[in-house]
Amino acid sequence: MKKKLLGLMMGATLAIILTACGGGGNNSNENAGESVSDAEAIVNKSCISCHGENLEGRNGPALDKIGATMDKDEILDVIANGRPGMPKEIIKGDDAEKVAEWLAEKK
């Protein structure tokens, strides 16, 4: 009985996750949001361990309002060259561009 209940719960969880992720489609509105979700995914993978889950700061400074003091190019420079306590090139190429643009909008 417990195995059936566990299997049912796992199946339901999987269905919810797959539904939340959405699917298919390729219209211009979805493509416009792609870089934002890409940037968020990159930040979640590479930045939150130091800057906090909500970019509120942790071991590294808060980034939740970084766009109020730095523009995209300045943020990109920090990503590329690092700072004391932050290694350079944690994010590279197009990913760095996406993240810099996304963070510059945080004001």
PDB file of N, CA and C in Angstrom:
ATOM      1  N   MET A   1       0.820  -1.188   0.000  1.00  0.00           N
ATOM      2  CA  MET A   1       0.000   0.000   0.000  1.00  0.00           C
ATOM      3  C   MET A   1       0.873   1.265   0.000  1.00  0.00           C
ATOM      4  N   LYS A   2       1.932   1.251   0.842  1.00  0.00           N
ATOM      5  CA  LYS A   2       2.808   2.414   0.915  1.00  0.00           C
ATOM      6  C   LYS A   2       3.542   2.626  -0.400  1.00  0.00           C
ATOM      7  N   LYS A   3       3.943   1.537  -1.062  1.00  0.00           N
ATOM      8  CA  LYS A   3       4.652   1.660  -2.341  1.00  0.00           C
ATOM      9  C   LYS A   3       3.751   2.259  -3.406  1.00  0.00           C
ATOM     10  N   LYS A   4       2.477   1.843  -3.419  1.00  0.00           N
ATOM     11  CA  LYS A   4       1.541   2.403  -4.395  1.00  0.00           C
ATOM     12  C   LYS A   4       1.333   3.892  -4.144  1.00  0.00           C
ATOM     13  N   LEU A   5       1.193   4.277  -2.894  1.00  0.00           N
ATOM     14  CA  LEU A   5       0.993   5.681  -2.551  1.00  0.00           C
ATOM     15  C   LEU A   5       2.226   6.500  -2.913  1.00  0.00           C
ATOM     16  N   LEU A   6       3.390   5.972  -2.619  1.00  0.00           N
ATOM     17  CA  LEU A   6       4.633   6.656  -2.961  1.00  0.00           C
ATOM     18  C   LEU A   6       4.759   6.813  -4.481  1.00  0.00           C
ATOM     19  N   GLY A   7       4.460   5.764  -5.225  1.00  0.00           N
ATOM     20  CA  GLY A   7       4.501   5.819  -6.683  1.00  0.00           C
ATOM     21  C   GLY A   7       3.527   6.838  -7.238  1.00  0.00           C
ATOM     22  N   LEU A   8       2.321   6.887  -6.669  1.00  0.00           N
ATOM     23  CA  LEU A   8       1.312   7.847  -7.095  1.00  0.00           C
ATOM     24  C   LEU A   8       1.772   9.283  -6.816  1.00  0.00           C
ATOM     25  N   MET A   9       2.359   9.500  -5.647  1.00  0.00           N
ATOM     26  CA  MET A   9       2.845  10.839  -5.295  1.00  0.00           C
ATOM     27  C   MET A   9       3.984  11.263  -6.212  1.00  0.00           C
ATOM     28  N   MET A  10       4.888  10.333  -6.508  1.00  0.00           N
ATOM     29  CA  MET A  10       6.004  10.665  -7.393  1.00  0.00           C
ATOM     30  C   MET A  10       5.506  10.963  -8.804  1.00  0.00           C
ATOM     31  N   GLY A  11       4.542  10.207  -9.271  1.00  0.00           N
ATOM     32  CA  GLY A  11       3.967  10.443 -10.595  1.00  0.00           C
ATOM     33  C   GLY A  11       3.281  11.795 -10.672  1.00  0.00           C
ATOM     34  N   ALA A  12       2.536  12.131  -9.631  1.00  0.00           N
ATOM     35  CA  ALA A  12       1.847  13.423  -9.596  1.00  0.00           C
ATOM     36  C   ALA A  12       2.856  14.566  -9.573  1.00  0.00           C
ATOM     37  N   THR A  13       3.913  14.412  -8.799  1.00  0.00           N
ATOM     38  CA  THR A  13       4.957  15.438  -8.733  1.00  0.00           C
ATOM     39  C   THR A  13       5.612  15.627 -10.093  1.00  0.00           C
ATOM     40  N   LEU A  14       5.922  14.533 -10.749  1.00  0.00           N
ATOM     41  CA  LEU A  14       6.525  14.609 -12.079  1.00  0.00           C
ATOM     42  C   LEU A  14       5.591  15.311 -13.060  1.00  0.00           C
ATOM     43  N   ALA A  15       4.310  14.988 -13.002  1.00  0.00           N
ATOM     44  CA  ALA A  15       3.336  15.620 -13.899  1.00  0.00           C
ATOM     45  C   ALA A  15       3.268  17.123 -13.654  1.00  0.00           C
ATOM     46  N   ILE A  16       3.315  17.532 -12.394  1.00  0.00           N
ATOM     47  CA  ILE A  16       3.269  18.960 -12.069  1.00  0.00           C
ATOM     48  C   ILE A  16       4.515  19.663 -12.595  1.00  0.00           C
ATOM     49  N   ILE A  17       5.664  19.046 -12.406  1.00  0.00           N
ATOM     50  CA  ILE A  17       6.912  19.644 -12.875  1.00  0.00           C
ATOM     51  C   ILE A  17       6.904  19.793 -14.387  1.00  0.00           C
ATOM     52  N   LEU A  18       6.492  18.757 -15.091  1.00  0.00           N
ATOM     53  CA  LEU A  18       6.467  18.812 -16.550  1.00  0.00           C
ATOM     54  C   LEU A  18       5.465  19.840 -17.048  1.00  0.00           C
ATOM     55  N   THR A  19       4.337  19.957 -16.380  1.00  0.00           N
ATOM     56  CA  THR A  19       3.338  20.945 -16.761  1.00  0.00           C
ATOM     57  C   THR A  19       3.869  22.353 -16.537  1.00  0.00           C
ATOM     58  N   ALA A  20       4.547  22.565 -15.425  1.00  0.00           N
ATOM     59  CA  ALA A  20       5.082  23.885 -15.110  1.00  0.00           C
ATOM     60  C   ALA A  20       6.159  24.308 -16.101  1.00  0.00           C
ATOM     61  N   CYS A  21       6.905  23.364 -16.619  1.00  0.00           N
ATOM     62  CA  CYS A  21       7.964  23.691 -17.570  1.00  0.00           C
ATOM     63  C   CYS A  21       7.411  24.100 -18.919  1.00  0.00           C
ATOM     64  N   GLY A  22       6.186  23.759 -19.199  1.00  0.00           N
ATOM     65  CA  GLY A  22       5.582  24.116 -20.474  1.00  0.00           C
ATOM     66  C   GLY A  22       6.176  23.318 -21.602  1.00  0.00           C
ATOM     67  N   GLY A  23       5.756  23.630 -22.767  1.00  0.00           N
ATOM     68  CA  GLY A  23       6.291  22.885 -23.889  1.00  0.00           C
ATOM     69  C   GLY A  23       6.206  23.676 -25.151  1.00  0.00           C
ATOM     70  N   GLY A  24       6.719  23.104 -26.202  1.00  0.00           N
ATOM     71  CA  GLY A  24       6.659  23.565 -27.578  1.00  0.00           C
ATOM     72  C   GLY A  24       6.441  25.040 -27.804  1.00  0.00           C
ATOM     73  N   GLY A  25       5.929  25.328 -28.983  1.00  0.00           N
ATOM     74  CA  GLY A  25       5.647  26.701 -29.359  1.00  0.00           C
ATOM     75  C   GLY A  25       6.923  27.468 -29.612  1.00  0.00           C
ATOM     76  N   ASN A  26       6.855  28.388 -30.549  1.00  0.00           N
ATOM     77  CA  ASN A  26       8.043  29.154 -30.851  1.00  0.00           C
ATOM     78  C   ASN A  26       7.650  30.498 -31.437  1.00  0.00           C
ATOM     79  N   ASN A  27       6.801  31.240 -30.684  1.00  0.00           N
ATOM     80  CA  ASN A  27       6.431  32.545 -31.203  1.00  0.00           C
ATOM     81  C   ASN A  27       7.355  33.607 -30.642  1.00  0.00           C
ATOM     82  N   SER A  28       7.250  34.822 -31.146  1.00  0.00           N
ATOM     83  CA  SER A  28       8.198  35.869 -30.784  1.00  0.00           C
ATOM     84  C   SER A  28       8.109  36.255 -29.317  1.00  0.00           C
ATOM     85  N   ASN A  29       6.950  36.177 -28.689  1.00  0.00           N
ATOM     86  CA  ASN A  29       6.833  36.514 -27.279  1.00  0.00           C
ATOM     87  C   ASN A  29       7.642  35.556 -26.427  1.00  0.00           C
ATOM     88  N   GLU A  30       7.634  34.278 -26.782  1.00  0.00           N
ATOM     89  CA  GLU A  30       8.411  33.303 -26.019  1.00  0.00           C
ATOM     90  C   GLU A  30       9.888  33.564 -26.198  1.00  0.00           C
ATOM     91  N   ASN A  31      10.320  33.898 -27.396  1.00  0.00           N
ATOM     92  CA  ASN A  31      11.732  34.168 -27.637  1.00  0.00           C
ATOM     93  C   ASN A  31      12.192  35.412 -26.896  1.00  0.00           C
ATOM     94  N   ALA A  32      11.323  36.398 -26.759  1.00  0.00           N
ATOM     95  CA  ALA A  32      11.696  37.617 -26.043  1.00  0.00           C
ATOM     96  C   ALA A  32      11.984  37.313 -24.586  1.00  0.00           C
ATOM     97  N   GLY A  33      11.254  36.388 -23.979  1.00  0.00           N
ATOM     98  CA  GLY A  33      11.469  36.039 -22.585  1.00  0.00           C
ATOM     99  C   GLY A  33      12.575  35.032 -22.380  1.00  0.00           C
ATOM    100  N   GLU A  34      13.075  34.456 -23.468  1.00  0.00           N
ATOM    101  CA  GLU A  34      14.092  33.420 -23.368  1.00  0.00           C
ATOM    102  C   GLU A  34      15.349  33.914 -22.677  1.00  0.00           C
ATOM    103  N   SER A  35      15.839  35.095 -23.039  1.00  0.00           N
ATOM    104  CA  SER A  35      17.088  35.568 -22.454  1.00  0.00           C
ATOM    105  C   SER A  35      16.937  35.837 -20.966  1.00  0.00           C
ATOM    106  N   VAL A  36      15.736  36.280 -20.537  1.00  0.00           N
ATOM    107  CA  VAL A  36      15.514  36.498 -19.112  1.00  0.00           C
ATOM    108  C   VAL A  36      15.562  35.181 -18.372  1.00  0.00           C
ATOM    109  N   SER A  37      14.835  34.176 -18.852  1.00  0.00           N
ATOM    110  CA  SER A  37      14.851  32.899 -18.158  1.00  0.00           C
ATOM    111  C   SER A  37      16.221  32.245 -18.271  1.00  0.00           C
ATOM    112  N   ASP A  38      16.910  32.438 -19.397  1.00  0.00           N
ATOM    113  CA  ASP A  38      18.275  31.934 -19.529  1.00  0.00           C
ATOM    114  C   ASP A  38      19.174  32.602 -18.502  1.00  0.00           C
ATOM    115  N   ALA A  39      19.074  33.915 -18.387  1.00  0.00           N
ATOM    116  CA  ALA A  39      19.910  34.655 -17.444  1.00  0.00           C
ATOM    117  C   ALA A  39      19.634  34.206 -16.021  1.00  0.00           C
ATOM    118  N   GLU A  40      18.366  34.053 -15.681  1.00  0.00           N
ATOM    119  CA  GLU A  40      18.016  33.588 -14.338  1.00  0.00           C
ATOM    120  C   GLU A  40      18.584  32.202 -14.072  1.00  0.00           C
ATOM    121  N   ALA A  41      18.499  31.335 -15.054  1.00  0.00           N
ATOM    122  CA  ALA A  41      19.033  29.978 -14.896  1.00  0.00           C
ATOM    123  C   ALA A  41      20.547  30.013 -14.705  1.00  0.00           C
ATOM    124  N   ILE A  42      21.212  30.873 -15.448  1.00  0.00           N
ATOM    125  CA  ILE A  42      22.666  31.000 -15.326  1.00  0.00           C
ATOM    126  C   ILE A  42      23.024  31.534 -13.945  1.00  0.00           C
ATOM    127  N   VAL A  43      22.309  32.558 -13.496  1.00  0.00           N
ATOM    128  CA  VAL A  43      22.550  33.127 -12.165  1.00  0.00           C
ATOM    129  C   VAL A  43      22.300  32.071 -11.099  1.00  0.00           C
ATOM    130  N   ASN A  44      21.212  31.314 -11.229  1.00  0.00           N
ATOM    131  CA  ASN A  44      20.907  30.272 -10.249  1.00  0.00           C
ATOM    132  C   ASN A  44      22.003  29.217 -10.200  1.00  0.00           C
ATOM    133  N   LYS A  45      22.615  28.951 -11.319  1.00  0.00           N
ATOM    134  CA  LYS A  45      23.674  27.939 -11.381  1.00  0.00           C
ATOM    135  C   LYS A  45      25.011  28.478 -10.876  1.00  0.00           C
ATOM    136  N   SER A  46      25.317  29.733 -11.191  1.00  0.00           N
ATOM    137  CA  SER A  46      26.677  30.233 -10.993  1.00  0.00           C
ATOM    138  C   SER A  46      26.847  31.291  -9.907  1.00  0.00           C
ATOM    139  N   CYS A  47      25.774  31.928  -9.464  1.00  0.00           N
ATOM    140  CA  CYS A  47      25.944  33.125  -8.634  1.00  0.00           C
ATOM    141  C   CYS A  47      25.326  33.060  -7.238  1.00  0.00           C
ATOM    142  N   ILE A  48      24.254  32.293  -7.083  1.00  0.00           N
ATOM    143  CA  ILE A  48      23.517  32.378  -5.816  1.00  0.00           C
ATOM    144  C   ILE A  48      24.279  31.846  -4.613  1.00  0.00           C
ATOM    145  N   SER A  49      25.268  30.997  -4.840  1.00  0.00           N
ATOM    146  CA  SER A  49      26.018  30.495  -3.688  1.00  0.00           C
ATOM    147  C   SER A  49      26.740  31.630  -2.957  1.00  0.00           C
ATOM    148  N   CYS A  50      27.119  32.665  -3.659  1.00  0.00           N
ATOM    149  CA  CYS A  50      27.782  33.815  -3.031  1.00  0.00           C
ATOM    150  C   CYS A  50      26.867  35.031  -2.880  1.00  0.00           C
ATOM    151  N   HIS A  51      25.950  35.209  -3.824  1.00  0.00           N
ATOM    152  CA  HIS A  51      25.127  36.417  -3.829  1.00  0.00           C
ATOM    153  C   HIS A  51      23.715  36.198  -3.284  1.00  0.00           C
ATOM    154  N   GLY A  52      23.391  34.985  -2.852  1.00  0.00           N
ATOM    155  CA  GLY A  52      22.094  34.700  -2.240  1.00  0.00           C
ATOM    156  C   GLY A  52      21.041  34.329  -3.260  1.00  0.00           C
ATOM    157  N   GLU A  53      20.080  33.524  -2.811  1.00  0.00           N
ATOM    158  CA  GLU A  53      19.017  33.040  -3.701  1.00  0.00           C
ATOM    159  C   GLU A  53      18.192  34.157  -4.298  1.00  0.00           C
ATOM    160  N   ASN A  54      18.025  35.243  -3.569  1.00  0.00           N
ATOM    161  CA  ASN A  54      17.274  36.394  -4.071  1.00  0.00           C
ATOM    162  C   ASN A  54      18.196  37.553  -4.409  1.00  0.00           C
ATOM    163  N   LEU A  55      19.477  37.232  -4.576  1.00  0.00           N
ATOM    164  CA  LEU A  55      20.516  38.221  -4.876  1.00  0.00           C
ATOM    165  C   LEU A  55      20.644  39.260  -3.773  1.00  0.00           C
ATOM    166  N   GLU A  56      20.248  38.887  -2.565  1.00  0.00           N
ATOM    167  CA  GLU A  56      20.264  39.791  -1.431  1.00  0.00           C
ATOM    168  C   GLU A  56      21.646  39.924  -0.800  1.00  0.00           C
ATOM    169  N   GLY A  57      22.585  39.153  -1.274  1.00  0.00           N
ATOM    170  CA  GLY A  57      23.935  39.161  -0.724  1.00  0.00           C
ATOM    171  C   GLY A  57      24.116  38.018   0.255  1.00  0.00           C
ATOM    172  N   ARG A  58      25.281  37.508   0.291  1.00  0.00           N
ATOM    173  CA  ARG A  58      25.653  36.432   1.203  1.00  0.00           C
ATOM    174  C   ARG A  58      27.134  36.628   1.485  1.00  0.00           C
ATOM    175  N   ASN A  59      27.991  35.798   0.940  1.00  0.00           N
ATOM    176  CA  ASN A  59      29.435  36.032   1.026  1.00  0.00           C
ATOM    177  C   ASN A  59      29.846  37.147   0.076  1.00  0.00           C
ATOM    178  N   GLY A  60      29.114  37.265  -1.022  1.00  0.00           N
ATOM    179  CA  GLY A  60      29.347  38.334  -1.990  1.00  0.00           C
ATOM    180  C   GLY A  60      28.309  39.428  -1.790  1.00  0.00           C
ATOM    181  N   PRO A  61      28.494  40.564  -2.440  1.00  0.00           N
ATOM    182  CA  PRO A  61      27.562  41.687  -2.272  1.00  0.00           C
ATOM    183  C   PRO A  61      26.187  41.403  -2.865  1.00  0.00           C
ATOM    184  N   ALA A  62      25.206  42.159  -2.394  1.00  0.00           N
ATOM    185  CA  ALA A  62      23.854  42.068  -2.928  1.00  0.00           C
ATOM    186  C   ALA A  62      23.847  42.544  -4.379  1.00  0.00           C
ATOM    187  N   LEU A  63      23.078  41.856  -5.212  1.00  0.00           N
ATOM    188  CA  LEU A  63      22.935  42.236  -6.615  1.00  0.00           C
ATOM    189  C   LEU A  63      21.486  42.573  -6.975  1.00  0.00           C
ATOM    190  N   ASP A  64      20.605  42.535  -5.987  1.00  0.00           N
ATOM    191  CA  ASP A  64      19.184  42.716  -6.270  1.00  0.00           C
ATOM    192  C   ASP A  64      18.840  44.108  -6.793  1.00  0.00           C
ATOM    193  N   LYS A  65      19.724  45.086  -6.588  1.00  0.00           N
ATOM    194  CA  LYS A  65      19.497  46.446  -7.103  1.00  0.00           C
ATOM    195  C   LYS A  65      20.757  46.981  -7.770  1.00  0.00           C
ATOM    196  N   ILE A  66      21.583  46.086  -8.287  1.00  0.00           N
ATOM    197  CA  ILE A  66      22.873  46.470  -8.854  1.00  0.00           C
ATOM    198  C   ILE A  66      22.732  47.397 -10.064  1.00  0.00           C
ATOM    199  N   GLY A  67      21.631  47.283 -10.793  1.00  0.00           N
ATOM    200  CA  GLY A  67      21.409  48.135 -11.958  1.00  0.00           C
ATOM    201  C   GLY A  67      21.254  49.605 -11.616  1.00  0.00           C
ATOM    202  N   ALA A  68      21.000  49.916 -10.354  1.00  0.00           N
ATOM    203  CA  ALA A  68      20.890  51.313  -9.934  1.00  0.00           C
ATOM    204  C   ALA A  68      22.260  51.977  -9.845  1.00  0.00           C
ATOM    205  N   THR A  69      23.320  51.186  -9.720  1.00  0.00           N
ATOM    206  CA  THR A  69      24.656  51.761  -9.573  1.00  0.00           C
ATOM    207  C   THR A  69      25.620  51.370 -10.696  1.00  0.00           C
ATOM    208  N   MET A  70      25.281  50.316 -11.435  1.00  0.00           N
ATOM    209  CA  MET A  70      26.163  49.863 -12.517  1.00  0.00           C
ATOM    210  C   MET A  70      25.340  49.594 -13.770  1.00  0.00           C
ATOM    211  N   ASP A  71      25.896  49.934 -14.938  1.00  0.00           N
ATOM    212  CA  ASP A  71      25.217  49.606 -16.186  1.00  0.00           C
ATOM    213  C   ASP A  71      25.710  48.241 -16.692  1.00  0.00           C
ATOM    214  N   LYS A  72      25.154  47.819 -17.802  1.00  0.00           N
ATOM    215  CA  LYS A  72      25.474  46.498 -18.347  1.00  0.00           C
ATOM    216  C   LYS A  72      26.970  46.321 -18.586  1.00  0.00           C
ATOM    217  N   ASP A  73      27.618  47.321 -19.180  1.00  0.00           N
ATOM    218  CA  ASP A  73      29.046  47.202 -19.495  1.00  0.00           C
ATOM    219  C   ASP A  73      29.896  47.095 -18.232  1.00  0.00           C
ATOM    220  N   GLU A  74      29.527  47.827 -17.196  1.00  0.00           N
ATOM    221  CA  GLU A  74      30.274  47.750 -15.940  1.00  0.00           C
ATOM    222  C   GLU A  74      30.107  46.378 -15.286  1.00  0.00           C
ATOM    223  N   ILE A  75      28.891  45.861 -15.325  1.00  0.00           N
ATOM    224  CA  ILE A  75      28.633  44.531 -14.769  1.00  0.00           C
ATOM    225  C   ILE A  75      29.391  43.481 -15.567  1.00  0.00           C
ATOM    226  N   LEU A  76      29.366  43.612 -16.876  1.00  0.00           N
ATOM    227  CA  LEU A  76      30.084  42.677 -17.740  1.00  0.00           C
ATOM    228  C   LEU A  76      31.585  42.710 -17.448  1.00  0.00           C
ATOM    229  N   ASP A  77      32.115  43.896 -17.170  1.00  0.00           N
ATOM    230  CA  ASP A  77      33.533  44.022 -16.820  1.00  0.00           C
ATOM    231  C   ASP A  77      33.853  43.267 -15.527  1.00  0.00           C
ATOM    232  N   VAL A  78      32.981  43.365 -14.535  1.00  0.00           N
ATOM    233  CA  VAL A  78      33.190  42.641 -13.276  1.00  0.00           C
ATOM    234  C   VAL A  78      33.133  41.136 -13.517  1.00  0.00           C
ATOM    235  N   ILE A  79      32.177  40.700 -14.323  1.00  0.00           N
ATOM    236  CA  ILE A  79      32.064  39.265 -14.629  1.00  0.00           C
ATOM    237  C   ILE A  79      33.337  38.783 -15.335  1.00  0.00           C
ATOM    238  N   ALA A  80      33.820  39.571 -16.285  1.00  0.00           N
ATOM    239  CA  ALA A  80      34.988  39.165 -17.078  1.00  0.00           C
ATOM    240  C   ALA A  80      36.289  39.235 -16.292  1.00  0.00           C
ATOM    241  N   ASN A  81      36.449  40.265 -15.476  1.00  0.00           N
ATOM    242  CA  ASN A  81      37.734  40.509 -14.825  1.00  0.00           C
ATOM    243  C   ASN A  81      37.764  40.184 -13.337  1.00  0.00           C
ATOM    244  N   GLY A  82      36.593  39.929 -12.759  1.00  0.00           N
ATOM    245  CA  GLY A  82      36.530  39.614 -11.346  1.00  0.00           C
ATOM    246  C   GLY A  82      36.798  40.815 -10.466  1.00  0.00           C
ATOM    247  N   ARG A  83      36.818  40.570  -9.193  1.00  0.00           N
ATOM    248  CA  ARG A  83      37.105  41.554  -8.152  1.00  0.00           C
ATOM    249  C   ARG A  83      37.676  40.791  -6.978  1.00  0.00           C
ATOM    250  N   PRO A  84      38.206  41.484  -5.990  1.00  0.00           N
ATOM    251  CA  PRO A  84      38.663  40.748  -4.809  1.00  0.00           C
ATOM    252  C   PRO A  84      37.522  39.886  -4.240  1.00  0.00           C
ATOM    253  N   GLY A  85      37.773  38.627  -4.096  1.00  0.00           N
ATOM    254  CA  GLY A  85      36.763  37.693  -3.599  1.00  0.00           C
ATOM    255  C   GLY A  85      35.907  37.076  -4.687  1.00  0.00           C
ATOM    256  N   MET A  86      36.018  37.584  -5.917  1.00  0.00           N
ATOM    257  CA  MET A  86      35.248  37.031  -7.026  1.00  0.00           C
ATOM    258  C   MET A  86      36.192  36.700  -8.173  1.00  0.00           C
ATOM    259  N   PRO A  87      36.295  35.424  -8.509  1.00  0.00           N
ATOM    260  CA  PRO A  87      37.170  35.047  -9.625  1.00  0.00           C
ATOM    261  C   PRO A  87      36.641  35.583 -10.955  1.00  0.00           C
ATOM    262  N   LYS A  88      37.545  35.793 -11.884  1.00  0.00           N
ATOM    263  CA  LYS A  88      37.130  36.273 -13.198  1.00  0.00           C
ATOM    264  C   LYS A  88      36.536  35.128 -14.015  1.00  0.00           C
ATOM    265  N   GLU A  89      35.719  35.510 -14.977  1.00  0.00           N
ATOM    266  CA  GLU A  89      35.148  34.603 -15.975  1.00  0.00           C
ATOM    267  C   GLU A  89      34.398  33.411 -15.397  1.00  0.00           C
ATOM    268  N   ILE A  90      33.671  33.631 -14.309  1.00  0.00           N
ATOM    269  CA  ILE A  90      32.788  32.570 -13.807  1.00  0.00           C
ATOM    270  C   ILE A  90      31.732  32.263 -14.866  1.00  0.00           C
ATOM    271  N   ILE A  91      31.324  33.306 -15.573  1.00  0.00           N
ATOM    272  CA  ILE A  91      30.378  33.180 -16.684  1.00  0.00           C
ATOM    273  C   ILE A  91      31.082  33.781 -17.902  1.00  0.00           C
ATOM    274  N   LYS A  92      30.957  33.149 -19.049  1.00  0.00           N
ATOM    275  CA  LYS A  92      31.670  33.608 -20.243  1.00  0.00           C
ATOM    276  C   LYS A  92      30.737  33.802 -21.431  1.00  0.00           C
ATOM    277  N   GLY A  93      31.202  34.553 -22.413  1.00  0.00           N
ATOM    278  CA  GLY A  93      30.533  34.683 -23.706  1.00  0.00           C
ATOM    279  C   GLY A  93      29.127  35.226 -23.642  1.00  0.00           C
ATOM    280  N   ASP A  94      28.243  34.597 -24.420  1.00  0.00           N
ATOM    281  CA  ASP A  94      26.848  35.033 -24.494  1.00  0.00           C
ATOM    282  C   ASP A  94      26.163  34.947 -23.137  1.00  0.00           C
ATOM    283  N   ASP A  95      26.531  33.950 -22.344  1.00  0.00           N
ATOM    284  CA  ASP A  95      25.933  33.819 -21.019  1.00  0.00           C
ATOM    285  C   ASP A  95      26.254  35.037 -20.165  1.00  0.00           C
ATOM    286  N   ALA A  96      27.486  35.510 -20.229  1.00  0.00           N
ATOM    287  CA  ALA A  96      27.876  36.700 -19.469  1.00  0.00           C
ATOM    288  C   ALA A  96      27.095  37.923 -19.952  1.00  0.00           C
ATOM    289  N   GLU A  97      26.921  38.041 -21.256  1.00  0.00           N
ATOM    290  CA  GLU A  97      26.145  39.156 -21.828  1.00  0.00           C
ATOM    291  C   GLU A  97      24.707  39.132 -21.310  1.00  0.00           C
ATOM    292  N   LYS A  98      24.083  37.952 -21.335  1.00  0.00           N
ATOM    293  CA  LYS A  98      22.697  37.816 -20.866  1.00  0.00           C
ATOM    294  C   LYS A  98      22.565  38.187 -19.398  1.00  0.00           C
ATOM    295  N   VAL A  99      23.490  37.691 -18.586  1.00  0.00           N
ATOM    296  CA  VAL A  99      23.430  37.966 -17.157  1.00  0.00           C
ATOM    297  C   VAL A  99      23.664  39.450 -16.882  1.00  0.00           C
ATOM    298  N   ALA A 100      24.628  40.057 -17.538  1.00  0.00           N
ATOM    299  CA  ALA A 100      24.911  41.476 -17.350  1.00  0.00           C
ATOM    300  C   ALA A 100      23.706  42.330 -17.717  1.00  0.00           C
ATOM    301  N   GLU A 101      23.077  41.997 -18.826  1.00  0.00           N
ATOM    302  CA  GLU A 101      21.884  42.756 -19.250  1.00  0.00           C
ATOM    303  C   GLU A 101      20.760  42.581 -18.240  1.00  0.00           C
ATOM    304  N   TRP A 102      20.541  41.364 -17.771  1.00  0.00           N
ATOM    305  CA  TRP A 102      19.477  41.074 -16.816  1.00  0.00           C
ATOM    306  C   TRP A 102      19.741  41.785 -15.490  1.00  0.00           C
ATOM    307  N   LEU A 103      20.973  41.734 -15.002  1.00  0.00           N
ATOM    308  CA  LEU A 103      21.302  42.391 -13.737  1.00  0.00           C
ATOM    309  C   LEU A 103      21.210  43.910 -13.852  1.00  0.00           C
ATOM    310  N   ALA A 104      21.551  44.467 -15.010  1.00  0.00           N
ATOM    311  CA  ALA A 104      21.476  45.921 -15.204  1.00  0.00           C
ATOM    312  C   ALA A 104      20.047  46.436 -15.075  1.00  0.00           C
ATOM    313  N   GLU A 105      19.071  45.566 -15.268  1.00  0.00           N
ATOM    314  CA  GLU A 105      17.664  45.957 -15.124  1.00  0.00           C
ATOM    315  C   GLU A 105      17.187  45.920 -13.677  1.00  0.00           C
ATOM    316  N   LYS A 106      17.985  45.384 -12.789  1.00  0.00           N
ATOM    317  CA  LYS A 106      17.631  45.290 -11.365  1.00  0.00           C
ATOM    318  C   LYS A 106      17.917  46.626 -10.704  1.00  0.00           C
ATOM    319  N   LYS A 107      16.859  47.377 -10.415  1.00  0.00           N
ATOM    320  CA  LYS A 107      17.014  48.712  -9.823  1.00  0.00           C
ATOM    321  C   LYS A 107      16.147  48.904  -8.616  1.00  0.00           C
TER     322      LYS A 107
END
